[in-house]
């Protein structure tokens, strides 16, 4: 009885060892094969050997990945990034190796059972593709230089006929992180889509048209050719005053200024200029010898707005660069404006 039991056990072990050896030999013979159901970047490589998978991956993924990526931005701006410039490279060996490795997962017996029963491995492995991050960054910088625009605040455009409101405009900023992510996907995923639409973010200006009245509570517009000073409150014309401006050779300077200082009954600080003669450099106190009467509003260096007794000069180019006003008018204007009030001279 003991001998029979020994023989049975020994026979069973022999069969087991022979079966295990057969499984081992069979599994070893499949070490370079890829299991059914395995894909790489959407390419079916199941049932192929490692070398066959390399060839198929190269043929089917190489074409799409070598196509240029095209970008379209707002305003009809177009950009192109070629595979050569992006230095796109496929790791074909690595993709085939990973397909084999995925096929070899599990135990030797589970692999053998899968082979006997016709089982599959459902896996779509991502392609191994590299590219130049520097080339992508260079493209993104170029896109930004072309598309990015700063917001434009609403502002005032003085003209000879009055103040015109210039509307605000939104700025645009390229969403760089999103664009970089989309380019990465296009360069590394061999899909048929090779077009990227550049997305932007609007940047709103700080000052809109409705804010202009608050920004410019008062405004002075001087028309030298028309010999008039216009005073605006909240951008609405309140009063037009007759003035005199600088004579030939001593013209009142054109451009945008602002009221820098205000004085009541100011002294006259005579400029060191040839036209001043013996008075050059002197300070003439208020009185009969002082041509600056009642009020002074300095706007640019020695130039300013002041009152005059020479009302006959109003409506002409008669001053030494300043703006002359009738005394009642300059007093009225003085009380309405503050230091910092814009003064635009046309």
Protein backbone atom coordinates (compact mmCIF):
# COMPACT_ATOMS: atom_id res chain seq x y z
CA UNK A 1 0.00 0.00 0.00
CA UNK A 2 2.82 2.34 0.87
CA UNK A 3 4.54 1.66 -2.43
CA UNK A 4 1.37 2.37 -4.38
CA UNK A 5 0.86 5.68 -2.58
CA UNK A 6 4.47 6.66 -3.20
CA UNK A 7 4.18 5.81 -6.86
CA UNK A 8 0.98 7.86 -7.21
CA UNK A 9 2.47 10.86 -5.47
CA UNK A 10 5.67 10.60 -7.45
CA UNK A 11 3.73 10.31 -10.69
CA UNK A 12 1.64 13.34 -9.79
CA UNK A 13 4.76 15.34 -9.05
CA UNK A 14 6.35 14.28 -12.29
CA UNK A 15 3.25 15.34 -14.22
CA UNK A 16 3.17 18.60 -12.30
CA UNK A 17 6.82 19.29 -12.99
CA UNK A 18 6.47 18.40 -16.64
CA UNK A 19 3.42 20.67 -16.93
CA UNK A 20 5.19 23.50 -15.15
CA UNK A 21 8.17 23.08 -17.39
CA UNK A 22 5.97 23.15 -20.45
CA UNK A 23 4.28 26.32 -19.19
CA UNK A 24 7.67 27.88 -18.53
CA UNK A 25 8.98 26.98 -21.96
CA UNK A 26 5.84 28.24 -23.64
CA UNK A 27 5.93 31.52 -21.69
CA UNK A 28 9.60 31.98 -22.51
CA UNK A 29 8.84 31.53 -26.19
CA UNK A 30 6.31 34.38 -25.94
CA UNK A 31 8.69 36.85 -24.21
CA UNK A 32 8.97 39.04 -27.31
CA UNK A 33 5.31 38.93 -28.29
CA UNK A 34 2.60 41.47 -27.52
CA UNK A 35 -0.73 40.31 -26.15
CA UNK A 36 -3.92 40.77 -28.13
CA UNK A 37 -5.78 43.97 -27.28
CA UNK A 38 -2.71 46.12 -26.62
CA UNK A 39 -2.53 49.48 -28.42
CA UNK A 40 0.04 52.26 -28.46
CA UNK A 41 -1.33 55.71 -29.21
CA UNK A 42 -4.38 54.08 -30.76
CA UNK A 43 -2.29 51.78 -32.99
CA UNK A 44 -3.17 48.06 -32.70
CA UNK A 45 0.01 46.14 -31.88
CA UNK A 46 -1.56 43.06 -30.27
CA UNK A 47 -0.29 39.79 -31.71
CA UNK A 48 2.88 41.41 -33.07
CA UNK A 49 6.45 40.86 -32.06
CA UNK A 50 8.53 43.66 -30.64
CA UNK A 51 10.19 44.37 -34.00
CA UNK A 52 6.90 44.25 -35.90
CA UNK A 53 5.38 46.67 -33.38
CA UNK A 54 8.27 49.10 -33.90
CA UNK A 55 7.69 49.20 -37.63
CA UNK A 56 3.94 49.62 -37.33
CA UNK A 57 4.21 52.36 -34.70
CA UNK A 58 6.76 54.23 -36.80
CA UNK A 59 4.62 54.02 -39.94
CA UNK A 60 1.27 54.91 -38.40
CA UNK A 61 2.29 57.53 -35.84
CA UNK A 62 5.14 59.16 -37.76
CA UNK A 63 2.89 60.72 -40.39
CA UNK A 64 0.52 62.62 -38.07
CA UNK A 65 3.29 63.67 -35.70
CA UNK A 66 5.31 65.14 -38.56
CA UNK A 67 2.48 67.43 -39.60
CA UNK A 68 2.82 71.11 -38.59
CA UNK A 69 0.68 72.57 -35.84
CA UNK A 70 -1.22 75.65 -36.97
CA UNK A 71 -2.44 78.39 -34.65
CA UNK A 72 -5.13 80.97 -35.29
CA UNK A 73 -5.48 84.03 -33.07
CA UNK A 74 -7.97 86.89 -32.88
CA UNK A 75 -7.80 89.39 -35.69
CA UNK A 76 -6.85 86.75 -38.24
CA UNK A 77 -3.32 86.22 -36.91
CA UNK A 78 -1.81 82.90 -38.00
CA UNK A 79 1.23 81.01 -36.72
CA UNK A 80 2.81 77.66 -37.64
CA UNK A 81 5.09 75.34 -35.70
CA UNK A 82 6.68 72.62 -37.82
CA UNK A 83 7.67 69.25 -36.39
CA UNK A 84 11.25 69.97 -37.42
CA UNK A 85 11.37 73.29 -35.58
CA UNK A 86 9.67 71.71 -32.57
CA UNK A 87 12.19 68.84 -32.77
CA UNK A 88 9.48 66.19 -32.39
CA UNK A 89 11.00 62.74 -31.74
CA UNK A 90 9.25 59.41 -31.22
CA UNK A 91 10.73 56.83 -28.87
CA UNK A 92 9.68 53.89 -31.04
CA UNK A 93 11.81 51.39 -29.12
CA UNK A 94 10.43 52.57 -25.82
CA UNK A 95 6.84 52.26 -27.04
CA UNK A 96 7.38 48.71 -28.32
CA UNK A 97 9.16 47.74 -25.10
CA UNK A 98 6.33 49.12 -23.00
CA UNK A 99 3.78 47.17 -25.06
CA UNK A 100 5.72 43.95 -24.41
CA UNK A 101 6.12 44.81 -20.74
CA UNK A 102 2.37 45.43 -20.42
CA UNK A 103 1.75 42.07 -22.07
CA UNK A 104 4.04 40.35 -19.52
CA UNK A 105 2.25 41.67 -16.46
CA UNK A 106 0.77 39.06 -14.13
CA UNK A 107 2.07 35.61 -13.24
CA UNK A 108 3.41 33.02 -15.63
CA UNK A 109 0.28 30.95 -15.12
CA UNK A 110 -2.13 33.84 -15.73
CA UNK A 111 -0.31 34.59 -18.99
CA UNK A 112 -0.49 30.92 -19.99
CA UNK A 113 -4.16 30.74 -19.14
CA UNK A 114 -4.83 33.89 -21.19
CA UNK A 115 -3.03 32.34 -24.16
CA UNK A 116 -4.95 29.06 -23.88
CA UNK A 117 -8.36 30.71 -23.47
CA UNK A 118 -7.82 33.46 -26.07
CA UNK A 119 -7.98 36.26 -23.52
CA UNK A 120 -6.90 39.85 -24.27
CA UNK A 121 -5.20 42.74 -22.51
CA UNK A 122 -7.26 45.89 -22.97
CA UNK A 123 -4.67 48.64 -22.81
CA UNK A 124 -4.06 51.74 -24.94
CA UNK A 125 -0.63 52.98 -23.95
CA UNK A 126 0.25 56.65 -24.44
CA UNK A 127 2.82 57.36 -27.14
CA UNK A 128 6.32 58.29 -26.06
CA UNK A 129 7.03 61.53 -27.90
CA UNK A 130 9.48 64.26 -26.98
CA UNK A 131 9.72 67.85 -28.25
CA UNK A 132 11.64 71.05 -27.63
CA UNK A 133 10.12 73.07 -24.81
CA UNK A 134 12.37 75.95 -25.88
CA UNK A 135 10.78 75.99 -29.36
CA UNK A 136 7.30 76.04 -27.83
CA UNK A 137 8.24 78.88 -25.47
CA UNK A 138 9.71 80.85 -28.37
CA UNK A 139 6.45 80.47 -30.31
CA UNK A 140 4.35 81.51 -27.33
CA UNK A 141 6.47 84.64 -26.88
CA UNK A 142 5.97 85.49 -30.56
CA UNK A 143 2.22 84.95 -30.24
CA UNK A 144 2.12 87.21 -27.18
CA UNK A 145 4.10 89.97 -28.90
CA UNK A 146 1.65 89.88 -31.80
CA UNK A 147 -1.64 89.56 -29.93
CA UNK A 148 -1.19 91.04 -26.47
CA UNK A 149 -2.47 94.61 -26.31
CA UNK A 150 -2.77 96.98 -23.39
CA UNK A 151 -6.19 98.33 -22.47
CA UNK A 152 -6.81 101.91 -23.53
CA UNK A 153 -8.52 104.18 -21.04
CA UNK A 154 -11.20 106.53 -22.21
CA UNK A 155 -9.79 110.01 -22.58
CA UNK A 156 -10.44 113.51 -23.85
CA UNK A 157 -9.33 114.77 -27.25
CA UNK A 158 -9.29 118.57 -27.34
CA UNK A 159 -10.06 120.12 -30.72
CA UNK A 160 -10.62 123.63 -31.97
CA UNK A 161 -14.35 123.00 -31.72
CA UNK A 162 -14.39 121.52 -28.22
CA UNK A 163 -13.70 118.40 -26.16
CA UNK A 164 -14.31 115.02 -27.77
CA UNK A 165 -14.68 111.89 -25.69
CA UNK A 166 -12.48 109.04 -26.88
CA UNK A 167 -13.96 105.65 -25.90
CA UNK A 168 -12.02 103.04 -23.96
CA UNK A 169 -10.79 99.81 -25.53
CA UNK A 170 -10.24 96.43 -23.92
CA UNK A 171 -6.78 94.90 -23.95
CA UNK A 172 -6.01 91.29 -24.84
CA UNK A 173 -3.74 88.83 -23.06
CA UNK A 174 -2.90 85.41 -24.48
CA UNK A 175 -3.64 82.60 -22.03
CA UNK A 176 -0.14 81.21 -22.15
CA UNK A 177 -0.58 78.23 -19.83
CA UNK A 178 -3.55 76.95 -21.80
CA UNK A 179 -1.77 77.48 -25.12
CA UNK A 180 1.32 75.63 -23.84
CA UNK A 181 -0.86 72.70 -22.74
CA UNK A 182 -2.64 72.53 -26.10
CA UNK A 183 0.64 72.67 -28.01
CA UNK A 184 2.05 69.87 -25.88
CA UNK A 185 -0.99 67.74 -26.64
CA UNK A 186 -0.80 68.48 -30.37
CA UNK A 187 2.91 67.68 -30.55
CA UNK A 188 2.75 64.44 -28.58
CA UNK A 189 -0.64 62.95 -29.46
CA UNK A 190 -0.92 61.70 -33.06
CA UNK A 191 -4.50 62.77 -33.65
CA UNK A 192 -5.88 64.15 -36.88
CA UNK A 193 -6.47 67.58 -35.32
CA UNK A 194 -3.45 69.84 -35.77
CA UNK A 195 -5.08 73.24 -35.29
CA UNK A 196 -5.03 75.35 -32.14
CA UNK A 197 -7.21 78.39 -31.63
CA UNK A 198 -5.37 80.85 -29.42
CA UNK A 199 -7.57 81.83 -26.49
CA UNK A 200 -7.24 85.27 -24.96
CA UNK A 201 -8.44 87.06 -21.87
CA UNK A 202 -9.89 90.53 -22.07
CA UNK A 203 -8.32 93.18 -19.86
CA UNK A 204 -10.72 95.98 -19.05
CA UNK A 205 -9.49 99.59 -18.85
CA UNK A 206 -9.57 101.44 -15.56
CA UNK A 207 -11.35 104.48 -16.98
CA UNK A 208 -14.45 104.26 -19.16
CA UNK A 209 -16.34 107.06 -20.88
CA UNK A 210 -18.68 107.35 -17.91
CA UNK A 211 -15.68 107.97 -15.63
CA UNK A 212 -14.39 110.97 -17.56
CA UNK A 213 -16.58 113.52 -15.82
CA UNK A 214 -15.20 112.38 -12.49
CA UNK A 215 -11.62 112.43 -13.78
CA UNK A 216 -11.99 115.90 -15.32
CA UNK A 217 -14.24 117.95 -13.03
CA UNK A 218 -12.79 121.09 -14.65
CA UNK A 219 -10.99 121.64 -17.94
CA UNK A 220 -9.59 124.68 -19.71
CA UNK A 221 -9.28 124.73 -23.49
CA UNK A 222 -7.38 127.63 -25.05
CA UNK A 223 -7.75 128.30 -28.77
CA UNK A 224 -4.91 130.62 -29.75
CA UNK A 225 -6.18 131.16 -33.29
CA UNK A 226 -9.66 132.04 -32.04
CA UNK A 227 -8.34 134.11 -29.08
CA UNK A 228 -10.69 132.43 -26.65
CA UNK A 229 -10.51 130.44 -23.44
CA UNK A 230 -13.23 127.88 -22.83
CA UNK A 231 -14.00 126.67 -19.34
CA UNK A 232 -15.63 123.24 -18.96
CA UNK A 233 -17.20 121.78 -15.83
CA UNK A 234 -17.80 118.03 -15.93
CA UNK A 235 -16.93 118.24 -19.62
CA UNK A 236 -19.77 120.64 -20.35
CA UNK A 237 -18.95 124.10 -21.67
CA UNK A 238 -19.77 126.68 -19.01
CA UNK A 239 -18.18 129.89 -20.28
CA UNK A 240 -16.11 131.27 -23.15
CA UNK A 241 -13.76 134.19 -22.42
CA UNK A 242 -11.91 136.51 -24.85
CA UNK A 243 -8.12 136.43 -24.39
CA UNK A 244 -4.83 137.70 -25.75
CA UNK A 245 -1.99 135.31 -26.51
CA UNK A 246 1.73 135.54 -27.19
CA UNK A 247 2.95 137.73 -30.00
CA UNK A 248 5.14 136.54 -32.86
CA UNK A 249 8.48 135.30 -31.55
CA UNK A 250 7.05 134.96 -28.03
CA UNK A 251 4.19 132.60 -28.83
CA UNK A 252 2.14 130.96 -26.12
CA UNK A 253 3.33 127.31 -26.07
CA UNK A 254 0.91 124.72 -27.45
CA UNK A 255 0.21 121.39 -25.74
CA UNK A 256 -1.28 119.88 -22.63
CA UNK A 257 -0.42 121.49 -19.30
CA UNK A 258 -2.08 121.94 -15.95
CA UNK A 259 -2.42 124.70 -13.41
CA UNK A 260 0.67 124.48 -11.23
CA UNK A 261 0.15 127.40 -8.87
CA UNK A 262 -2.40 130.12 -8.07
CA UNK A 263 -1.83 133.61 -6.66
CA UNK A 264 -3.99 136.60 -5.75
CA UNK A 265 -2.57 140.00 -6.70
CA UNK A 266 0.79 138.47 -7.65
CA UNK A 267 4.10 140.19 -8.13
CA UNK A 268 5.68 140.12 -11.56
CA UNK A 269 8.90 138.13 -11.71
CA UNK A 270 10.39 139.61 -14.83
CA UNK A 271 12.13 136.99 -17.02
CA UNK A 272 15.79 137.40 -17.90
CA UNK A 273 14.92 137.99 -21.55
CA UNK A 274 16.05 140.69 -23.98
CA UNK A 275 12.51 141.98 -24.42
CA UNK A 276 12.36 142.86 -20.69
CA UNK A 277 15.11 145.47 -21.12
CA UNK A 278 16.23 147.10 -17.87
CA UNK A 279 13.53 145.28 -15.91
CA UNK A 280 15.00 141.84 -16.68
CA UNK A 281 15.36 139.70 -13.55
CA UNK A 282 13.53 142.13 -11.26
CA UNK A 283 10.45 141.50 -9.11
CA UNK A 284 7.75 144.11 -9.60
CA UNK A 285 5.27 144.18 -6.69
CA UNK A 286 1.52 144.65 -7.20
CA UNK A 287 0.78 148.15 -8.36
CA UNK A 288 0.72 150.37 -11.44
CA UNK A 289 4.04 148.97 -12.78
CA UNK A 290 2.86 145.36 -12.46
CA UNK A 291 1.11 144.21 -15.68
CA UNK A 292 -0.15 141.01 -13.98
CA UNK A 293 -3.42 142.13 -12.48
CA UNK A 294 -5.75 140.54 -9.93
CA UNK A 295 -5.02 136.83 -10.41
CA UNK A 296 -2.31 134.46 -11.64
CA UNK A 297 -2.59 130.80 -12.67
CA UNK A 298 0.81 129.41 -13.68
CA UNK A 299 0.80 126.66 -16.28
CA UNK A 300 4.31 126.23 -17.75
CA UNK A 301 7.50 127.68 -16.38
CA UNK A 302 7.06 131.44 -16.65
CA UNK A 303 3.82 131.27 -18.69
CA UNK A 304 0.42 131.56 -17.11
CA UNK A 305 -3.10 133.01 -17.18
CA UNK A 306 -3.52 136.45 -15.62
CA UNK A 307 -5.63 139.55 -15.64
CA UNK A 308 -4.79 142.68 -17.61
CA UNK A 309 -5.89 146.28 -17.76
CA UNK A 310 -5.06 146.36 -21.49
CA UNK A 311 -8.48 145.07 -22.51
CA UNK A 312 -7.87 146.45 -25.99
CA UNK A 313 -5.27 143.74 -26.52
CA UNK A 314 -7.84 140.99 -26.04
CA UNK A 315 -8.53 139.21 -29.29
CA UNK A 316 -4.97 139.60 -30.55
CA UNK A 317 -1.45 138.21 -30.25
CA UNK A 318 -0.01 140.85 -27.95
CA UNK A 319 1.51 139.25 -24.82
CA UNK A 320 4.98 137.92 -24.10
CA UNK A 321 3.69 134.33 -23.98
CA UNK A 322 1.07 134.48 -21.25
CA UNK A 323 -2.71 134.36 -21.65
CA UNK A 324 -4.32 137.68 -20.77
CA UNK A 325 -7.89 137.98 -19.56
CA UNK A 326 -10.12 140.85 -18.49
CA UNK A 327 -9.89 141.33 -14.73
CA UNK A 328 -13.52 140.31 -13.93
CA UNK A 329 -13.09 137.23 -16.12
CA UNK A 330 -9.83 136.08 -14.56
CA UNK A 331 -11.29 136.50 -11.06
CA UNK A 332 -14.32 134.42 -12.02
CA UNK A 333 -12.17 131.67 -13.59
CA UNK A 334 -9.73 131.68 -10.66
CA UNK A 335 -12.51 130.81 -8.23
CA UNK A 336 -13.68 127.86 -10.37
CA UNK A 337 -10.48 125.92 -10.96
CA UNK A 338 -7.91 124.25 -8.75
CA UNK A 339 -4.22 123.40 -8.97
CA UNK A 340 -3.97 120.38 -11.27
CA UNK A 341 -6.78 121.45 -13.61
CA UNK A 342 -5.83 120.47 -17.19
CA UNK A 343 -5.06 123.29 -19.60
CA UNK A 344 -4.89 122.38 -23.27
CA UNK A 345 -3.54 125.00 -25.67
CA UNK A 346 -4.27 124.60 -29.36
